Amino acid sequence: MRGDAGSASVEFMAWIGFVLAALFCAYEAYTTFATVEQVENAARTGARTASMQGVALNEPVTKIGPGTHAANTALPKVIKDKEITVEALPNDGVRCTVRAKVPLIADGLHLNITVRRRVEMPVG
């Protein structure tokens, strides 16, 4: 047995784990950056809607209303663990805060990556 038959298969099997791990990490990084962009967009949409339609000053913090609904609609359905809050500011403005966990491809990994963005806009 002096031939090198099968050595390419052995080398392929040695590297396949590293290649799959690199692809997994690249996909998770993409998912994280996409979630950051989507959460920023949802916070801007919620603040814009709340500033145009107004937030009642006698109810300074709301988790239901037009701004919250608009921010929730702007987020994709794959983001399930989220919290959206719209606040009326004392200086005639609104603040929309969106917090969401990054959806991971492997639910068994407990990385707990959370993205939080806050946008303030004047009322009007």
Protein backbone atom coordinates (compact mmCIF):
# COMPACT_ATOMS: atom_id res chain seq x y z
CA MET A 1 0.00 0.00 0.00
CA ARG A 2 2.37 2.65 -1.21
CA GLY A 3 -0.12 4.63 -3.31
CA ASP A 4 -1.75 7.85 -2.30
CA ALA A 5 -5.26 6.82 -3.26
CA GLY A 6 -7.81 8.38 -0.92
CA SER A 7 -5.52 11.05 0.48
CA ALA A 8 -7.64 13.81 -1.07
CA SER A 9 -10.71 12.46 0.72
CA VAL A 10 -8.88 12.42 4.04
CA GLU A 11 -7.69 16.02 3.54
CA PHE A 12 -11.20 17.10 2.57
CA MET A 13 -12.66 15.55 5.72
CA ALA A 14 -10.00 17.26 7.83
CA TRP A 15 -10.91 20.72 6.48
CA ILE A 16 -14.69 20.42 6.15
CA GLY A 17 -15.29 21.18 9.84
CA PHE A 18 -13.32 24.42 9.65
CA VAL A 19 -15.12 25.49 6.49
CA LEU A 20 -18.55 24.80 8.00
CA ALA A 21 -17.62 26.66 11.19
CA ALA A 22 -16.48 29.67 9.14
CA LEU A 23 -19.73 29.64 7.15
CA PHE A 24 -21.77 29.43 10.35
CA CYS A 25 -19.90 32.38 11.88
CA ALA A 26 -20.29 34.43 8.70
CA TYR A 27 -24.04 33.76 8.62
CA GLU A 28 -24.46 34.71 12.28
CA ALA A 29 -22.50 37.93 11.71
CA TYR A 30 -24.74 38.75 8.75
CA THR A 31 -27.85 38.06 10.85
CA THR A 32 -26.54 40.31 13.62
CA PHE A 33 -25.82 43.24 11.29
CA ALA A 34 -29.18 42.80 9.54
CA THR A 35 -30.97 42.83 12.91
CA VAL A 36 -29.17 46.04 13.91
CA GLU A 37 -30.31 47.72 10.67
CA GLN A 38 -33.90 46.48 11.08
CA VAL A 39 -34.10 47.61 14.72
CA GLU A 40 -32.78 51.08 13.77
CA ASN A 41 -35.38 51.32 11.02
CA ALA A 42 -38.17 50.24 13.38
CA ALA A 43 -37.13 52.83 15.99
CA ARG A 44 -37.11 55.62 13.37
CA THR A 45 -40.49 54.50 12.02
CA GLY A 46 -42.04 54.35 15.50
CA ALA A 47 -40.69 57.76 16.50
CA ARG A 48 -41.80 59.34 13.21
CA THR A 49 -45.31 57.92 13.49
CA ALA A 50 -45.63 58.91 17.14
CA SER A 51 -44.44 62.44 16.40
CA MET A 52 -46.86 62.88 13.48
CA GLN A 53 -49.90 61.34 15.20
CA GLY A 54 -48.97 62.56 18.67
CA VAL A 55 -48.52 60.81 21.97
CA ALA A 56 -50.80 61.82 24.83
CA LEU A 57 -48.85 63.75 27.45
CA ASN A 58 -51.06 62.39 30.22
CA GLU A 59 -49.84 58.89 29.28
CA PRO A 60 -46.07 59.46 29.11
CA VAL A 61 -45.05 55.86 28.41
CA THR A 62 -47.04 53.61 26.13
CA LYS A 63 -46.54 50.12 24.80
CA ILE A 64 -49.67 50.29 22.66
CA GLY A 65 -50.41 53.05 20.20
CA PRO A 66 -49.69 54.18 16.66
CA GLY A 67 -45.92 54.53 17.15
CA THR A 68 -45.59 51.15 18.79
CA HIS A 69 -47.74 49.53 16.13
CA ALA A 70 -45.69 51.13 13.31
CA ALA A 71 -42.40 50.00 14.88
CA ASN A 72 -43.75 46.48 15.37
CA THR A 73 -44.90 46.36 11.75
CA ALA A 74 -41.45 47.52 10.55
CA LEU A 75 -39.74 44.58 12.24
CA PRO A 76 -39.67 41.29 10.33
CA LYS A 77 -41.57 38.28 11.68
CA VAL A 78 -38.36 36.34 12.34
CA ILE A 79 -37.57 38.69 15.26
CA LYS A 80 -39.82 37.24 17.94
CA ASP A 81 -38.28 38.46 21.21
CA LYS A 82 -38.74 42.23 21.12
CA GLU A 83 -39.85 45.14 23.27
CA ILE A 84 -41.05 48.49 21.90
CA THR A 85 -41.69 51.57 24.04
CA VAL A 86 -42.83 55.04 22.97
CA GLU A 87 -42.46 57.91 25.44
CA ALA A 88 -43.61 61.51 25.43
CA LEU A 89 -40.74 63.81 26.39
CA PRO A 90 -41.26 66.96 28.46
CA ASN A 91 -39.63 69.16 25.77
CA ASP A 92 -42.42 68.46 23.24
CA GLY A 93 -40.86 65.41 21.66
CA VAL A 94 -41.19 61.66 21.53
CA ARG A 95 -38.74 58.82 22.08
CA CYS A 96 -39.09 55.35 20.61
CA THR A 97 -36.96 52.56 22.09
CA VAL A 98 -36.76 49.18 20.38
CA ARG A 99 -35.01 46.19 21.96
CA ALA A 100 -34.73 42.89 20.12
CA LYS A 101 -32.76 39.68 20.43
CA VAL A 102 -30.81 38.54 17.38
CA PRO A 103 -32.39 35.37 15.95
CA LEU A 104 -29.78 32.63 15.82
CA ILE A 105 -29.73 29.72 13.42
CA ALA A 106 -29.00 27.33 16.30
CA ASP A 107 -31.46 27.80 19.15
CA GLY A 108 -29.30 25.67 21.44
CA LEU A 109 -26.64 28.39 21.55
CA HIS A 110 -27.39 30.82 24.34
CA LEU A 111 -25.41 33.79 23.05
CA ASN A 112 -28.09 36.30 24.13
CA ILE A 113 -27.18 39.04 21.65
CA THR A 114 -29.56 41.95 22.21
CA VAL A 115 -29.80 45.09 20.08
CA ARG A 116 -31.31 48.29 21.52
CA ARG A 117 -31.85 51.52 19.61
CA ARG A 118 -33.47 54.76 20.75
CA VAL A 119 -34.68 57.59 18.50
CA GLU A 120 -35.99 60.99 19.63
CA MET A 121 -38.02 63.29 17.38
CA PRO A 122 -39.89 66.55 17.92
CA VAL A 123 -43.69 66.49 17.78
CA GLY A 124 -45.14 68.00 14.65
